[in-house]
Amino acid sequence: MTNHRIIGFCTLNRVGRTDTKQKEALTAYAAEKTLILEIVEGRYSHKKKWKARTELVKLLEGLKPGDTLVTPTLSLLGLDSGDILSFIAELMKKKVDLHIVDLGLVIAASGYSGDMIALFTLMTALTVPAKGKPGRKPGRPAKKKRGRPAKKKRGRPAKKKPGRPPKKKKVGRPPQKKVGRPKTKLKKRGRKPARKKRVSSIQQQFNDKAFTIRKYLKSQFPVQRIAEKLGLPYQPLLALLKKHPKLKGLVKKGR
């Protein structure tokens, strides 16, 4: 005796996670029919046919005669109605039963050719897709028409029909301004903002060229030569170097 497999097929959502609605539909159907399901998940594509979907092809290849496939809805098995019918035909060739949860339909491989009611129900389901069922609708969305927008018609504008002219607004005296003292804005109490410290031009040049001055001092250049190279006065440069916390250690006596 061989144990026949009962496989429940559902697809992942757009993020790549399990679709809870499809899984709940399969578990509820299995509990109702007392089936032990082996759930298999695969990616859904609204661009590829079932033969181009690797998970669905592997599932079909692994099925054996007597096995059962349970799906929440028909739209998971193909791109369009013709694609879905070709997949069901492959199932029938392999003698695999098919259970469709949302339709409550069971297509047995042994009685598929004689079961006209099941066949008619399947064809109507493919031609008129049901709304609000688990799963996504197959088919591509309608594309927007490309091209230039329609040009406006050229020519003279239509003449207006003669009639009474619009009434003019009544002219009167302008509103008088109120006479009195202007309102004074109250000053906010608090401390005055601190004034910004003024930086001399030599100090500014020293701050901008501190990196190059440090390189020259590390290369044992005398201060006078550094002043000539950078175009700075010697005495103020020497005074600033002696005050600097990092550069004063690089200045040697007699330099």
Protein backbone atom coordinates (compact mmCIF):
# COMPACT_ATOMS: atom_id res chain seq x y z
CA MET A 1 0.00 0.00 0.00
CA THR A 2 1.32 3.42 -0.95
CA ASN A 3 0.41 6.55 0.98
CA HIS A 4 -1.02 9.19 -1.33
CA ARG A 5 0.01 12.78 -0.69
CA ILE A 6 -2.50 15.63 -0.14
CA ILE A 7 -0.76 18.91 -0.97
CA GLY A 8 -2.18 22.37 -0.26
CA PHE A 9 -0.64 24.96 -2.62
CA CYS A 10 -0.59 28.67 -1.72
CA THR A 11 1.47 31.66 -2.87
CA LEU A 12 3.58 34.22 -1.02
CA ASN A 13 2.61 37.88 -0.85
CA ARG A 14 4.52 40.75 -2.48
CA VAL A 15 6.90 41.07 0.49
CA GLY A 16 7.81 37.37 0.20
CA ARG A 17 5.97 36.21 3.32
CA THR A 18 3.16 33.67 3.82
CA ASP A 19 -0.27 34.83 2.68
CA THR A 20 -2.35 34.36 5.84
CA LYS A 21 -5.73 34.47 4.03
CA GLN A 22 -4.77 31.60 1.70
CA LYS A 23 -3.30 29.53 4.53
CA GLU A 24 -6.39 30.03 6.71
CA ALA A 25 -8.63 28.98 3.80
CA LEU A 26 -6.61 25.76 3.34
CA THR A 27 -6.59 24.87 7.06
CA ALA A 28 -10.34 25.48 7.38
CA TYR A 29 -11.03 23.30 4.32
CA ALA A 30 -8.75 20.54 5.66
CA ALA A 31 -10.54 20.59 9.03
CA GLU A 32 -13.94 20.43 7.32
CA LYS A 33 -12.98 17.50 5.04
CA THR A 34 -10.69 15.82 7.65
CA LEU A 35 -7.62 16.00 5.42
CA ILE A 36 -3.97 16.02 6.49
CA LEU A 37 -2.43 18.70 4.28
CA GLU A 38 1.20 19.16 3.28
CA ILE A 39 1.37 22.90 2.53
CA VAL A 40 3.71 24.03 -0.28
CA GLU A 41 4.35 27.74 -0.93
CA GLY A 42 5.49 29.38 -4.15
CA ARG A 43 5.85 32.83 -5.67
CA TYR A 44 3.00 34.24 -7.80
CA SER A 45 3.79 36.15 -10.98
CA HIS A 46 1.33 38.19 -13.03
CA LYS A 47 3.76 38.08 -15.98
CA LYS A 48 4.83 34.42 -16.21
CA LYS A 49 2.83 31.35 -17.25
CA TRP A 50 2.85 28.26 -15.06
CA LYS A 51 5.56 26.55 -17.14
CA ALA A 52 7.93 29.46 -16.32
CA ARG A 53 7.26 29.25 -12.56
CA THR A 54 9.85 26.90 -11.06
CA GLU A 55 7.94 26.13 -7.83
CA LEU A 56 4.79 25.09 -9.71
CA VAL A 57 6.73 22.96 -12.22
CA LYS A 58 8.59 21.16 -9.40
CA LEU A 59 5.27 20.57 -7.62
CA LEU A 60 3.73 19.02 -10.75
CA GLU A 61 6.77 16.83 -11.37
CA GLY A 62 6.64 15.51 -7.77
CA LEU A 63 2.97 14.50 -7.95
CA LYS A 64 2.09 10.84 -8.53
CA PRO A 65 -1.12 9.04 -9.55
CA GLY A 66 -3.61 9.07 -6.68
CA ASP A 67 -2.25 12.27 -5.09
CA THR A 68 -4.48 15.29 -4.38
CA LEU A 69 -3.82 18.99 -4.92
CA VAL A 70 -5.80 21.57 -2.91
CA THR A 71 -5.77 25.26 -3.94
CA PRO A 72 -7.62 28.23 -2.38
CA THR A 73 -8.51 29.63 -5.82
CA LEU A 74 -7.93 28.86 -9.50
CA SER A 75 -6.03 32.10 -10.17
CA LEU A 76 -2.95 30.70 -8.39
CA LEU A 77 -2.48 27.95 -10.98
CA GLY A 78 -1.92 30.06 -14.10
CA LEU A 79 -1.73 33.42 -15.80
CA ASP A 80 -5.08 33.32 -17.59
CA SER A 81 -7.95 30.88 -18.24
CA GLY A 82 -6.11 29.04 -21.05
CA ASP A 83 -2.99 28.68 -18.91
CA ILE A 84 -5.03 27.36 -15.96
CA LEU A 85 -6.80 24.79 -18.16
CA SER A 86 -3.48 23.53 -19.52
CA PHE A 87 -2.22 23.03 -15.94
CA ILE A 88 -5.40 21.13 -14.99
CA ALA A 89 -4.99 18.98 -18.11
CA GLU A 90 -1.49 17.99 -16.90
CA LEU A 91 -2.96 17.06 -13.52
CA MET A 92 -5.57 14.86 -15.22
CA LYS A 93 -2.85 13.15 -17.30
CA LYS A 94 -1.01 12.28 -14.09
CA LYS A 95 -4.32 11.13 -12.49
CA VAL A 96 -4.14 13.73 -9.69
CA ASP A 97 -7.35 14.97 -8.03
CA LEU A 98 -7.94 18.71 -7.71
CA HIS A 99 -9.86 20.49 -4.90
CA ILE A 100 -10.80 24.17 -5.42
CA VAL A 101 -11.67 25.72 -2.03
CA ASP A 102 -13.49 28.93 -3.03
CA LEU A 103 -15.74 27.08 -5.51
CA GLY A 104 -16.23 24.00 -3.30
CA LEU A 105 -15.38 21.93 -6.39
CA VAL A 106 -13.64 18.54 -6.54
CA ILE A 107 -12.35 17.30 -9.92
CA ALA A 108 -11.47 13.62 -9.71
CA ALA A 109 -8.97 12.37 -12.28
CA SER A 110 -10.90 9.11 -12.77
CA GLY A 111 -14.27 10.77 -13.44
CA TYR A 112 -13.10 13.97 -15.12
CA SER A 113 -14.25 13.01 -18.61
CA GLY A 114 -17.78 12.07 -17.48
CA ASP A 115 -18.33 14.73 -14.80
CA MET A 116 -20.01 17.41 -16.96
CA ILE A 117 -21.35 19.41 -13.99
CA ALA A 118 -17.86 19.88 -12.54
CA LEU A 119 -16.52 20.81 -15.97
CA PHE A 120 -19.29 23.38 -16.55
CA THR A 121 -18.72 24.94 -13.09
CA LEU A 122 -14.98 25.15 -13.78
CA MET A 123 -15.48 26.88 -17.15
CA THR A 124 -17.89 29.45 -15.68
CA ALA A 125 -15.43 30.18 -12.86
CA LEU A 126 -12.65 30.82 -15.37
CA THR A 127 -14.73 33.09 -17.59
CA VAL A 128 -16.33 35.10 -14.72
CA PRO A 129 -13.73 35.54 -11.92
CA ALA A 130 -15.16 35.80 -8.42
CA LYS A 131 -14.55 38.91 -6.30
CA GLY A 132 -13.24 38.98 -2.76
CA LYS A 133 -11.72 35.49 -2.84
CA PRO A 134 -8.26 34.62 -1.45
CA GLY A 135 -5.48 35.08 -3.95
CA ARG A 136 -4.61 37.67 -6.58
CA LYS A 137 -6.28 38.20 -9.93
CA PRO A 138 -4.25 37.01 -12.92
CA GLY A 139 -3.43 39.20 -15.89
CA ARG A 140 -1.54 42.40 -16.44
CA PRO A 141 -3.02 45.79 -15.51
CA ALA A 142 -4.21 47.95 -18.40
CA LYS A 143 -1.45 50.12 -19.79
CA LYS A 144 -1.89 53.84 -20.23
CA LYS A 145 -1.97 55.10 -23.80
CA ARG A 146 1.25 56.79 -24.84
CA GLY A 147 1.49 59.71 -27.21
CA ARG A 148 1.03 63.43 -27.44
CA PRO A 149 -2.09 65.03 -26.01
CA ALA A 150 -4.76 66.18 -28.47
CA LYS A 151 -4.13 69.61 -29.95
CA LYS A 152 -6.54 72.43 -29.31
CA LYS A 153 -8.64 73.62 -32.21
CA ARG A 154 -7.30 76.73 -33.87
CA GLY A 155 -9.48 79.60 -35.01
CA ARG A 156 -11.29 82.66 -33.79
CA PRO A 157 -13.07 82.41 -30.48
CA ALA A 158 -16.85 82.27 -30.58
CA LYS A 159 -18.58 85.63 -30.39
CA LYS A 160 -20.45 86.42 -27.22
CA LYS A 161 -24.16 86.89 -27.45
CA PRO A 162 -25.31 90.51 -27.09
CA GLY A 163 -26.91 91.36 -23.81
CA ARG A 164 -26.78 93.66 -20.89
CA PRO A 165 -23.28 94.62 -19.73
CA PRO A 166 -22.27 93.51 -16.23
CA LYS A 167 -23.08 95.95 -13.48
CA LYS A 168 -20.24 98.12 -12.28
CA LYS A 169 -19.28 98.17 -8.66
CA LYS A 170 -20.52 101.15 -6.71
CA VAL A 171 -17.88 103.82 -6.20
CA GLY A 172 -17.80 105.50 -2.81
CA ARG A 173 -15.52 107.05 -0.30
CA PRO A 174 -12.53 104.99 0.81
CA PRO A 175 -12.57 103.88 4.43
CA GLN A 176 -11.02 106.44 6.78
CA LYS A 177 -7.96 105.52 8.76
CA LYS A 178 -8.21 105.57 12.51
CA VAL A 179 -6.40 108.52 14.11
CA GLY A 180 -4.37 107.89 17.23
CA ARG A 181 -1.05 106.80 18.58
CA PRO A 182 0.49 103.78 16.91
CA LYS A 183 0.71 100.70 19.03
CA THR A 184 4.19 100.08 20.38
CA LYS A 185 5.50 96.56 20.40
CA LEU A 186 6.50 95.36 23.83
CA LYS A 187 10.09 94.26 24.08
CA LYS A 188 10.71 90.81 25.46
CA ARG A 189 12.56 90.82 28.75
CA GLY A 190 15.73 88.84 29.11
CA ARG A 191 19.44 88.94 28.54
CA LYS A 192 20.77 90.54 25.43
CA PRO A 193 22.44 88.14 22.98
CA ALA A 194 26.20 87.98 23.36
CA ARG A 195 28.18 89.86 20.77
CA LYS A 196 30.30 87.90 18.39
CA LYS A 197 34.01 88.21 18.96
CA ARG A 198 35.83 90.05 16.26
CA VAL A 199 38.66 88.12 14.65
CA SER A 200 41.54 90.01 13.08
CA SER A 201 42.60 89.31 9.52
CA ILE A 202 45.94 87.82 10.68
CA GLN A 203 44.12 85.54 13.13
CA GLN A 204 41.76 84.45 10.35
CA GLN A 205 44.66 83.68 8.00
CA PHE A 206 46.38 81.79 10.79
CA ASN A 207 43.28 79.69 11.46
CA ASP A 208 42.87 78.89 7.74
CA LYS A 209 46.53 77.90 7.30
CA ALA A 210 47.06 76.12 10.64
CA PHE A 211 47.33 72.72 8.94
CA THR A 212 50.09 73.84 6.52
CA ILE A 213 51.94 75.69 9.34
CA ARG A 214 51.95 72.47 11.35
CA LYS A 215 53.44 70.58 8.38
CA TYR A 216 56.23 73.17 8.01
CA LEU A 217 57.03 73.07 11.75
CA LYS A 218 57.20 69.28 11.72
CA SER A 219 59.60 69.52 8.77
CA GLN A 220 61.79 71.83 10.99
CA PHE A 221 61.19 75.00 8.96
CA PRO A 222 62.09 78.24 10.84
CA VAL A 223 59.17 80.57 11.65
CA GLN A 224 60.61 83.40 9.56
CA ARG A 225 60.74 81.20 6.47
CA ILE A 226 57.15 80.00 7.09
CA ALA A 227 56.04 83.64 7.34
CA GLU A 228 57.71 84.45 4.00
CA LYS A 229 56.13 81.42 2.30
CA LEU A 230 52.61 82.11 3.55
CA GLY A 231 52.82 85.92 3.24
CA LEU A 232 52.26 86.58 6.95
CA PRO A 233 54.10 89.07 9.22
CA TYR A 234 56.80 87.39 11.30
CA GLN A 235 56.19 88.86 14.79
CA PRO A 236 52.39 88.38 14.89
CA LEU A 237 52.82 84.82 13.54
CA LEU A 238 55.37 84.01 16.24
CA ALA A 239 53.06 85.42 18.92
CA LEU A 240 50.11 83.35 17.66
CA LEU A 241 52.25 80.18 17.56
CA LYS A 242 53.34 80.66 21.17
CA LYS A 243 49.68 81.03 22.27
CA HIS A 244 48.46 78.01 20.29
CA PRO A 245 48.06 74.95 22.59
CA LYS A 246 49.21 72.37 20.01
CA LEU A 247 51.68 74.30 17.85
CA LYS A 248 53.66 76.02 20.61
CA GLY A 249 55.47 72.76 21.42
CA LEU A 250 56.79 72.56 17.84
CA VAL A 251 58.37 76.05 17.97
CA LYS A 252 61.97 75.78 19.22
CA LYS A 253 63.96 78.56 20.83
CA GLY A 254 65.97 80.72 18.46
CA ARG A 255 63.56 80.02 15.57
